[in-house]
Amino acid sequence: MQFMEEEHGEDALALMRSLKHAFDPNNILNPGKIFAW
């Protein structure tokens, strides 16, 4: 995740997290991969 933040920036990662949560609110698709909550 460290390199993703350096490459894309914090705002882009926040957007990716929100999209993941919007499409997978129960976190059943690839749980714990890239964006864990």
PDB file of N, CA and C in Angstrom:
ATOM      1  N   MET A   1       0.822  -1.183   0.000  1.00  0.00           N
ATOM      2  CA  MET A   1       0.000   0.000   0.000  1.00  0.00           C
ATOM      3  C   MET A   1       0.872   1.255   0.000  1.00  0.00           C
ATOM      4  N   GLN A   2       2.056   1.148   0.553  1.00  0.00           N
ATOM      5  CA  GLN A   2       2.963   2.293   0.619  1.00  0.00           C
ATOM      6  C   GLN A   2       3.231   2.850  -0.771  1.00  0.00           C
ATOM      7  N   PHE A   3       3.510   1.988  -1.709  1.00  0.00           N
ATOM      8  CA  PHE A   3       3.849   2.458  -3.048  1.00  0.00           C
ATOM      9  C   PHE A   3       2.631   2.973  -3.796  1.00  0.00           C
ATOM     10  N   MET A   4       1.470   2.398  -3.518  1.00  0.00           N
ATOM     11  CA  MET A   4       0.256   2.906  -4.157  1.00  0.00           C
ATOM     12  C   MET A   4       0.011   4.354  -3.749  1.00  0.00           C
ATOM     13  N   GLU A   5       0.233   4.660  -2.474  1.00  0.00           N
ATOM     14  CA  GLU A   5       0.023   6.037  -2.017  1.00  0.00           C
ATOM     15  C   GLU A   5       1.019   6.986  -2.661  1.00  0.00           C
ATOM     16  N   GLU A   6       2.251   6.542  -2.809  1.00  0.00           N
ATOM     17  CA  GLU A   6       3.258   7.381  -3.467  1.00  0.00           C
ATOM     18  C   GLU A   6       2.926   7.594  -4.937  1.00  0.00           C
ATOM     19  N   GLU A   7       2.385   6.561  -5.573  1.00  0.00           N
ATOM     20  CA  GLU A   7       2.100   6.643  -7.004  1.00  0.00           C
ATOM     21  C   GLU A   7       0.816   7.413  -7.303  1.00  0.00           C
ATOM     22  N   HIS A   8      -0.233   7.158  -6.527  1.00  0.00           N
ATOM     23  CA  HIS A   8      -1.547   7.724  -6.845  1.00  0.00           C
ATOM     24  C   HIS A   8      -1.954   8.894  -5.965  1.00  0.00           C
ATOM     25  N   GLY A   9      -1.407   8.982  -4.769  1.00  0.00           N
ATOM     26  CA  GLY A   9      -1.773  10.057  -3.848  1.00  0.00           C
ATOM     27  C   GLY A   9      -2.890   9.649  -2.903  1.00  0.00           C
ATOM     28  N   GLU A  10      -2.961  10.361  -1.807  1.00  0.00           N
ATOM     29  CA  GLU A  10      -3.925  10.033  -0.757  1.00  0.00           C
ATOM     30  C   GLU A  10      -5.370  10.220  -1.212  1.00  0.00           C
ATOM     31  N   ASP A  11      -5.641  11.247  -1.999  1.00  0.00           N
ATOM     32  CA  ASP A  11      -7.008  11.504  -2.470  1.00  0.00           C
ATOM     33  C   ASP A  11      -7.511  10.383  -3.368  1.00  0.00           C
ATOM     34  N   ALA A  12      -6.658   9.889  -4.251  1.00  0.00           N
ATOM     35  CA  ALA A  12      -7.054   8.803  -5.150  1.00  0.00           C
ATOM     36  C   ALA A  12      -7.322   7.527  -4.364  1.00  0.00           C
ATOM     37  N   LEU A  13      -6.515   7.257  -3.350  1.00  0.00           N
ATOM     38  CA  LEU A  13      -6.740   6.067  -2.534  1.00  0.00           C
ATOM     39  C   LEU A  13      -8.039   6.179  -1.747  1.00  0.00           C
ATOM     40  N   ALA A  14      -8.357   7.359  -1.273  1.00  0.00           N
ATOM     41  CA  ALA A  14      -9.622   7.562  -0.572  1.00  0.00           C
ATOM     42  C   ALA A  14     -10.794   7.307  -1.515  1.00  0.00           C
ATOM     43  N   LEU A  15     -10.671   7.743  -2.749  1.00  0.00           N
ATOM     44  CA  LEU A  15     -11.706   7.487  -3.745  1.00  0.00           C
ATOM     45  C   LEU A  15     -11.838   5.993  -4.017  1.00  0.00           C
ATOM     46  N   MET A  16     -10.719   5.297  -4.162  1.00  0.00           N
ATOM     47  CA  MET A  16     -10.742   3.848  -4.388  1.00  0.00           C
ATOM     48  C   MET A  16     -11.411   3.123  -3.224  1.00  0.00           C
ATOM     49  N   ARG A  17     -11.097   3.546  -1.996  1.00  0.00           N
ATOM     50  CA  ARG A  17     -11.719   2.928  -0.819  1.00  0.00           C
ATOM     51  C   ARG A  17     -13.232   3.152  -0.826  1.00  0.00           C
ATOM     52  N   SER A  18     -13.655   4.356  -1.155  1.00  0.00           N
ATOM     53  CA  SER A  18     -15.090   4.646  -1.146  1.00  0.00           C
ATOM     54  C   SER A  18     -15.816   3.876  -2.243  1.00  0.00           C
ATOM     55  N   LEU A  19     -15.184   3.714  -3.399  1.00  0.00           N
ATOM     56  CA  LEU A  19     -15.794   2.912  -4.463  1.00  0.00           C
ATOM     57  C   LEU A  19     -15.893   1.449  -4.055  1.00  0.00           C
ATOM     58  N   LYS A  20     -14.845   0.922  -3.441  1.00  0.00           N
ATOM     59  CA  LYS A  20     -14.859  -0.464  -2.962  1.00  0.00           C
ATOM     60  C   LYS A  20     -15.996  -0.648  -1.966  1.00  0.00           C
ATOM     61  N   HIS A  21     -16.133   0.297  -1.048  1.00  0.00           N
ATOM     62  CA  HIS A  21     -17.188   0.195  -0.045  1.00  0.00           C
ATOM     63  C   HIS A  21     -18.577   0.331  -0.679  1.00  0.00           C
ATOM     64  N   ALA A  22     -18.710   1.152  -1.702  1.00  0.00           N
ATOM     65  CA  ALA A  22     -20.000   1.339  -2.371  1.00  0.00           C
ATOM     66  C   ALA A  22     -20.436   0.078  -3.109  1.00  0.00           C
ATOM     67  N   PHE A  23     -19.496  -0.599  -3.769  1.00  0.00           N
ATOM     68  CA  PHE A  23     -19.833  -1.785  -4.549  1.00  0.00           C
ATOM     69  C   PHE A  23     -19.790  -3.068  -3.731  1.00  0.00           C
ATOM     70  N   ASP A  24     -19.126  -3.042  -2.577  1.00  0.00           N
ATOM     71  CA  ASP A  24     -18.982  -4.236  -1.744  1.00  0.00           C
ATOM     72  C   ASP A  24     -19.104  -3.852  -0.268  1.00  0.00           C
ATOM     73  N   PRO A  25     -20.287  -3.418   0.161  1.00  0.00           N
ATOM     74  CA  PRO A  25     -20.440  -2.933   1.536  1.00  0.00           C
ATOM     75  C   PRO A  25     -20.203  -4.000   2.597  1.00  0.00           C
ATOM     76  N   ASN A  26     -20.398  -5.264   2.257  1.00  0.00           N
ATOM     77  CA  ASN A  26     -20.187  -6.341   3.224  1.00  0.00           C
ATOM     78  C   ASN A  26     -18.774  -6.902   3.175  1.00  0.00           C
ATOM     79  N   ASN A  27     -17.939  -6.354   2.305  1.00  0.00           N
ATOM     80  CA  ASN A  27     -16.536  -6.757   2.180  1.00  0.00           C
ATOM     81  C   ASN A  27     -16.382  -8.262   1.947  1.00  0.00           C
ATOM     82  N   ILE A  28     -17.183  -8.797   1.022  1.00  0.00           N
ATOM     83  CA  ILE A  28     -17.105 -10.231   0.740  1.00  0.00           C
ATOM     84  C   ILE A  28     -16.267 -10.536  -0.501  1.00  0.00           C
ATOM     85  N   LEU A  29     -16.003  -9.532  -1.318  1.00  0.00           N
ATOM     86  CA  LEU A  29     -15.184  -9.732  -2.507  1.00  0.00           C
ATOM     87  C   LEU A  29     -13.730  -9.419  -2.169  1.00  0.00           C
ATOM     88  N   ASN A  30     -12.887 -10.426  -2.192  1.00  0.00           N
ATOM     89  CA  ASN A  30     -11.464 -10.284  -1.846  1.00  0.00           C
ATOM     90  C   ASN A  30     -11.258  -9.578  -0.507  1.00  0.00           C
ATOM     91  N   PRO A  31     -11.811 -10.137   0.565  1.00  0.00           N
ATOM     92  CA  PRO A  31     -11.663  -9.483   1.874  1.00  0.00           C
ATOM     93  C   PRO A  31     -10.201  -9.369   2.286  1.00  0.00           C
ATOM     94  N   GLY A  32      -9.830  -8.205   2.778  1.00  0.00           N
ATOM     95  CA  GLY A  32      -8.474  -7.981   3.264  1.00  0.00           C
ATOM     96  C   GLY A  32      -7.448  -7.698   2.187  1.00  0.00           C
ATOM     97  N   LYS A  33      -7.852  -7.657   0.942  1.00  0.00           N
ATOM     98  CA  LYS A  33      -6.926  -7.371  -0.152  1.00  0.00           C
ATOM     99  C   LYS A  33      -6.943  -5.884  -0.458  1.00  0.00           C
ATOM    100  N   ILE A  34      -5.804  -5.292  -0.551  1.00  0.00           N
ATOM    101  CA  ILE A  34      -5.576  -3.881  -0.862  1.00  0.00           C
ATOM    102  C   ILE A  34      -6.262  -2.953   0.140  1.00  0.00           C
ATOM    103  N   PHE A  35      -7.589  -2.957   0.209  1.00  0.00           N
ATOM    104  CA  PHE A  35      -8.303  -2.064   1.114  1.00  0.00           C
ATOM    105  C   PHE A  35      -9.041  -2.886   2.152  1.00  0.00           C
ATOM    106  N   ALA A  36      -8.522  -2.917   3.337  1.00  0.00           N
ATOM    107  CA  ALA A  36      -9.188  -3.637   4.424  1.00  0.00           C
ATOM    108  C   ALA A  36      -9.838  -2.636   5.364  1.00  0.00           C
ATOM    109  N   TRP A  37     -10.981  -3.000   5.896  1.00  0.00           N
ATOM    110  CA  TRP A  37     -11.574  -2.175   6.940  1.00  0.00           C
ATOM    111  C   TRP A  37     -12.098  -3.035   8.026  1.00  0.00           C
TER     112      TRP A  37
END
